[in-house]
Protein backbone atom coordinates (compact mmCIF):
# COMPACT_ATOMS: atom_id res chain seq x y z
CA MET A 1 118.81 120.66 118.58
CA LYS A 2 115.96 123.03 117.49
CA THR A 3 112.77 122.88 119.45
CA GLN A 4 110.59 125.14 117.60
CA VAL A 5 109.63 123.20 114.05
CA ARG A 6 106.71 123.32 111.55
CA SER A 7 105.71 120.02 111.30
CA ALA A 8 106.35 116.59 112.48
CA PHE A 9 106.32 112.79 111.84
CA VAL A 10 106.06 110.20 114.10
CA SER A 11 105.04 106.25 113.20
CA ASP A 12 105.75 102.61 114.64
CA VAL A 13 104.99 103.83 118.63
CA HIS A 14 103.45 100.41 119.54
CA LEU A 15 102.19 101.96 122.59
CA GLY A 16 100.71 98.72 124.35
CA THR A 17 103.98 96.49 123.95
CA SER A 18 106.93 96.16 125.85
CA ALA A 19 109.59 97.43 123.25
CA CYS A 20 107.63 100.73 123.02
CA GLN A 21 110.42 103.44 123.86
CA ALA A 22 107.74 105.80 125.41
CA GLN A 23 110.03 107.64 127.75
CA TYR A 24 112.08 108.98 124.57
CA LEU A 25 108.81 109.92 122.32
CA LEU A 26 107.22 111.50 125.59
CA ASP A 27 110.32 113.31 125.81
CA PHE A 28 110.15 114.59 122.23
CA LEU A 29 106.28 115.79 122.01
CA LYS A 30 107.29 117.70 125.46
CA THR A 31 110.72 119.53 123.91
CA CYS A 32 109.44 120.09 119.94
CA ARG A 33 106.70 122.89 119.31
CA MET A 34 105.42 121.83 116.13
CA GLU A 35 102.24 123.21 114.29
CA TYR A 36 101.47 120.23 112.49
CA LEU A 37 101.60 116.83 113.99
CA TYR A 38 101.40 113.20 111.93
CA LEU A 39 101.42 110.24 113.52
CA VAL A 40 101.69 107.97 110.94
CA GLY A 41 100.26 104.92 111.69
CA ASP A 42 100.67 101.78 114.39
CA ILE A 43 101.14 104.51 117.28
CA ILE A 44 99.14 101.82 119.37
CA ASP A 45 99.78 98.18 118.76
CA LEU A 46 95.92 97.14 118.48
CA LEU A 47 96.93 93.97 117.06
CA HIS A 48 99.53 92.69 119.59
CA MET A 49 97.21 93.76 122.49
CA ARG A 50 94.68 91.07 121.59
CA ARG A 51 97.21 88.56 123.09
CA ARG A 52 98.75 90.93 125.60
CA VAL A 53 98.24 94.31 126.64
CA ASN A 54 101.75 96.12 128.07
CA PHE A 55 99.94 99.35 128.40
CA THR A 56 101.62 101.48 131.14
CA PRO A 57 101.54 104.22 132.93
CA LEU A 58 104.13 106.23 130.82
CA HIS A 59 102.33 105.00 127.49
CA GLU A 60 99.21 106.73 129.16
CA GLN A 61 101.05 110.16 129.44
CA VAL A 62 102.38 109.78 125.60
CA VAL A 63 98.65 109.66 124.61
CA GLU A 64 97.61 112.65 126.97
CA GLN A 65 100.88 114.60 125.97
CA ILE A 66 99.04 113.89 122.19
CA MET A 67 95.56 115.22 123.34
CA ALA A 68 97.28 118.19 124.93
CA LEU A 69 99.18 118.96 122.27
CA ALA A 70 95.85 118.94 119.94
CA ARG A 71 93.73 121.45 122.62
CA GLN A 72 96.73 123.76 122.36
CA GLY A 73 96.99 124.39 118.58
CA THR A 74 98.42 121.68 117.33
CA ARG A 75 97.14 120.30 114.22
CA VAL A 76 97.47 116.70 115.03
CA ILE A 77 96.78 114.15 112.05
CA TYR A 78 96.18 110.47 112.40
CA ILE A 79 96.51 107.95 109.75
CA PRO A 80 95.91 104.50 111.07
CA GLY A 81 98.36 101.59 109.89
CA ASN A 82 98.41 97.33 109.81
CA HIS A 83 98.59 97.28 114.06
CA ASP A 84 95.98 99.91 114.49
CA ALA A 85 94.10 99.35 111.73
CA LEU A 86 90.91 99.06 113.52
CA MET A 87 90.84 102.95 113.94
CA ARG A 88 90.58 102.67 110.13
CA ARG A 89 86.97 103.48 110.33
CA PHE A 90 87.07 106.36 112.24
CA CYS A 91 88.69 108.18 109.28
CA GLY A 92 87.16 111.24 107.69
CA GLN A 93 86.59 111.94 111.21
CA MET A 94 87.26 114.01 114.35
CA VAL A 95 88.65 112.48 117.79
CA ALA A 96 89.14 114.26 121.05
CA GLY A 97 90.34 117.17 118.51
CA ILE A 98 92.54 114.64 116.19
CA GLU A 99 91.86 114.13 112.82
CA ILE A 100 91.75 110.55 111.50
CA HIS A 101 92.85 110.08 107.72
CA ARG A 102 93.36 107.03 105.45
CA ASN A 103 96.24 109.21 104.23
CA ARG A 104 97.21 112.62 103.65
CA VAL A 105 98.80 115.28 101.44
CA HIS A 106 101.06 117.24 103.57
CA TYR A 107 101.89 121.50 102.30
CA CYS A 108 105.34 121.90 103.19
CA ALA A 109 106.35 126.11 103.69
CA ASP A 110 108.02 126.28 100.56
CA GLY A 111 104.99 125.13 98.81
CA ARG A 112 105.91 121.36 97.80
CA ARG A 113 103.63 118.62 98.27
CA PHE A 114 104.25 115.43 100.25
CA PHE A 115 102.41 112.02 99.93
CA VAL A 116 101.70 110.84 104.22
CA SER A 117 100.47 107.07 104.83
CA HIS A 118 101.24 104.09 106.42
CA GLY A 119 102.94 102.17 103.35
CA ASP A 120 101.57 98.84 104.46
CA GLU A 121 99.56 99.37 101.14
CA PHE A 122 102.80 98.02 99.60
CA ASP A 123 103.28 94.73 101.59
CA SER A 124 101.49 92.99 98.45
CA ALA A 125 103.60 94.31 96.07
CA LEU A 126 106.76 93.49 98.02
CA HIS A 127 104.93 89.80 98.58
CA ALA A 128 105.95 90.98 102.48
CA GLY A 129 103.10 88.78 103.77
CA VAL A 130 104.88 85.39 104.18
CA PHE A 131 108.00 87.15 104.66
CA TRP A 132 107.32 89.51 107.79
CA TYR A 133 105.10 86.30 109.18
CA VAL A 134 107.74 83.99 109.14
CA VAL A 135 110.55 86.18 110.03
CA GLY A 136 109.31 89.77 110.68
CA ASP A 137 106.59 88.36 113.46
CA LEU A 138 108.37 85.45 115.33
CA SER A 139 112.24 86.43 114.92
CA HIS A 140 111.44 89.98 114.70
CA THR A 141 109.36 89.84 118.32
CA LEU A 142 112.42 87.87 120.02
CA LEU A 143 114.93 90.52 118.69
CA LEU A 144 112.63 93.30 120.17
CA ARG A 145 112.60 91.40 123.44
CA LEU A 146 116.29 91.04 123.52
CA ASN A 147 116.81 94.85 122.67
CA THR A 148 114.41 95.53 125.80
CA LEU A 149 116.51 93.69 128.17
CA LEU A 150 119.94 94.59 126.38
CA ASN A 151 118.98 98.31 126.73
CA GLY A 152 117.34 97.73 130.75
CA THR A 153 120.92 96.43 131.50
CA ARG A 154 122.90 99.39 129.58
CA ARG A 155 120.92 101.43 132.06
CA LEU A 156 122.12 100.06 135.09
CA PHE A 157 125.46 100.80 134.41
CA ASN A 158 124.75 104.49 132.91
CA LEU A 159 125.22 103.72 129.09
CA PRO A 160 122.96 105.70 126.61
CA TYR A 161 120.32 103.81 124.13
CA TRP A 162 122.03 101.37 121.45
CA SER A 163 119.70 99.44 119.36
CA LEU A 164 120.62 95.77 118.37
CA ALA A 165 117.35 94.98 116.49
CA GLY A 166 118.92 98.03 114.24
CA PHE A 167 122.36 97.12 114.36
CA LEU A 168 121.70 93.70 113.06
CA LYS A 169 119.09 94.46 110.67
CA LYS A 170 121.50 96.87 108.66
CA ARG A 171 123.79 93.27 108.59
CA ILE A 172 121.08 90.87 106.92
CA GLY A 173 121.43 91.10 103.16
CA LYS A 174 117.64 89.99 102.90
CA ALA A 175 116.50 92.79 104.85
CA ASN A 176 118.38 95.84 103.06
CA GLN A 177 116.89 94.15 99.85
CA PHE A 178 113.80 94.17 100.93
CA ILE A 179 114.18 98.07 102.41
CA ARG A 180 115.65 99.46 99.09
CA ARG A 181 112.55 97.66 96.60
CA PHE A 182 110.29 99.08 99.62
CA GLU A 183 111.23 102.60 99.06
CA THR A 184 111.97 102.42 95.44
CA ILE A 185 108.08 101.05 95.34
CA ALA A 186 106.97 104.29 97.26
CA ALA A 187 109.29 106.78 95.13
CA ARG A 188 107.93 105.43 91.89
CA GLN A 189 103.72 106.13 93.84
CA ALA A 190 104.84 109.79 94.49
CA GLN A 191 106.15 110.24 90.83
CA GLU A 192 102.53 108.60 89.50
CA LEU A 193 100.69 110.90 91.81
CA LYS A 194 102.19 113.59 90.85
CA TYR A 195 103.70 114.72 94.32
CA ASP A 196 107.32 115.95 95.43
CA GLY A 197 107.40 113.12 97.56
CA PHE A 198 106.58 110.26 99.83
CA ILE A 199 106.66 110.24 103.99
CA CYS A 200 105.95 107.03 105.40
CA GLY A 201 106.61 104.66 108.37
CA HIS A 202 105.99 100.83 108.38
CA ILE A 203 109.61 98.64 107.74
CA HIS A 204 111.00 100.53 111.01
CA GLN A 205 114.38 101.90 109.01
CA SER A 206 114.15 105.73 109.21
CA GLY A 207 115.54 106.88 106.19
CA MET A 208 115.79 109.77 103.28
CA ARG A 209 116.56 109.70 99.84
CA ARG A 210 115.93 111.91 96.61
CA ILE A 211 115.12 109.15 93.84
CA ASP A 212 114.45 109.97 90.51
CA GLY A 213 113.60 113.58 91.35
CA VAL A 214 111.05 112.84 94.47
CA LEU A 215 112.46 112.83 97.87
CA TYR A 216 111.46 109.91 100.33
CA CYS A 217 111.11 109.97 103.46
CA ASN A 218 110.54 107.31 106.84
CA ASP A 219 110.28 108.88 110.12
CA GLY A 220 111.53 105.37 111.23
CA ASP A 221 109.99 103.50 114.89
CA TRP A 222 109.69 103.74 118.65
CA VAL A 223 111.30 100.55 119.38
CA GLU A 224 114.26 99.97 117.72
CA HIS A 225 115.63 103.39 116.66
CA CYS A 226 113.72 106.16 118.64
CA THR A 227 113.20 108.06 114.94
CA ALA A 228 110.86 111.06 113.63
CA LEU A 229 111.15 113.35 110.44
CA VAL A 230 111.00 116.93 111.21
CA GLU A 231 110.10 120.21 108.84
CA THR A 232 112.21 123.24 109.46
CA ASN A 233 110.30 126.16 109.50
CA ASP A 234 112.01 126.52 106.42
CA GLY A 235 110.23 123.98 104.65
CA ARG A 236 113.46 121.62 104.55
CA PHE A 237 113.24 118.37 106.18
CA GLU A 238 115.53 116.37 108.79
CA LEU A 239 115.43 113.10 110.56
CA VAL A 240 116.40 113.01 114.00
CA HIS A 241 117.35 110.30 116.95
CA TRP A 242 115.48 111.06 120.45
CA ALA A 243 117.29 109.04 122.91
CA ASP A 244 119.60 109.53 125.28
CA HIS A 245 121.41 111.38 122.80
CA LYS A 246 119.98 113.43 120.55
CA GLU A 247 121.26 114.08 116.96
CA VAL A 248 119.94 115.20 113.75
CA LEU A 249 120.64 111.72 111.42
CA VAL A 250 120.25 113.39 108.10
CA ARG A 251 119.34 116.60 106.28
CA GLU A 252 117.61 117.24 103.14
CA SER A 253 120.09 119.66 101.80
CA ASP A 254 122.76 117.36 102.20
CA LEU A 255 121.35 114.63 99.70
CA GLU A 256 122.36 113.95 96.86
CA GLU A 257 120.18 112.97 93.44
CA GLU A 258 120.01 109.06 92.78
CA TRP A 259 118.67 107.47 89.61
CA VAL A 260 117.41 104.13 89.89
CA ALA A 261 115.05 101.99 87.88
CA ILE A 262 111.70 102.40 89.49
CA PRO A 263 109.80 99.37 89.67
CA GLN A 264 105.67 99.29 89.00
CA THR A 265 103.45 99.28 91.89
CA ASN A 266 101.32 96.84 89.33
């Protein structure tokens, strides 16, 4: 596993909740050296913390490590999501050495341009408000609690991290349809804006697809899958899983072109 990367993208950390896998993210941030660190939304779950706060010392260490990276010369760019939307009032400002933006254009080492956004702007096009409230909020919260309980038990037996939530999500047809539609709408957005690709989070499903000449990248999350998107020094992207077992899940160089009927975003 390479420890020197040009850029790293992480999202959906949900610090302040019991589901956050802070120990793995902290290890990732301490192990990898990077020029750019993009925090692509839902880093601190301010929405959840209105009801209940579970901000542990490990969560504090994650924040401290991010700030340390900024002090050491890493350019840290924070793009708030829907769970930390209160931070959007600071867009355009610098806080503790961290840039805060609503969205951003990332320039790769090879000259390509990628639009970076959390991804919640597509909720209305996907009619996701009711879906995520009825299914995503209630049942998903329960599922994450079971996920935390299961992996706490697995650690007692020295078994590696395993995502129950991710396992079930892949086997639910409705969820797969939602993810595919989200991916194609994001690709369409990049296509319309004349970018080479789109980088986002939001749906807790890491992925990398080359759709109609556009590269769609989702960096995943740190509550279910423990994944990040990294840009290598030559400007190529990789999806990495970083838990007890560390591996490269997808390399951009291995992708094939897909041609699909990309839906309109309006």
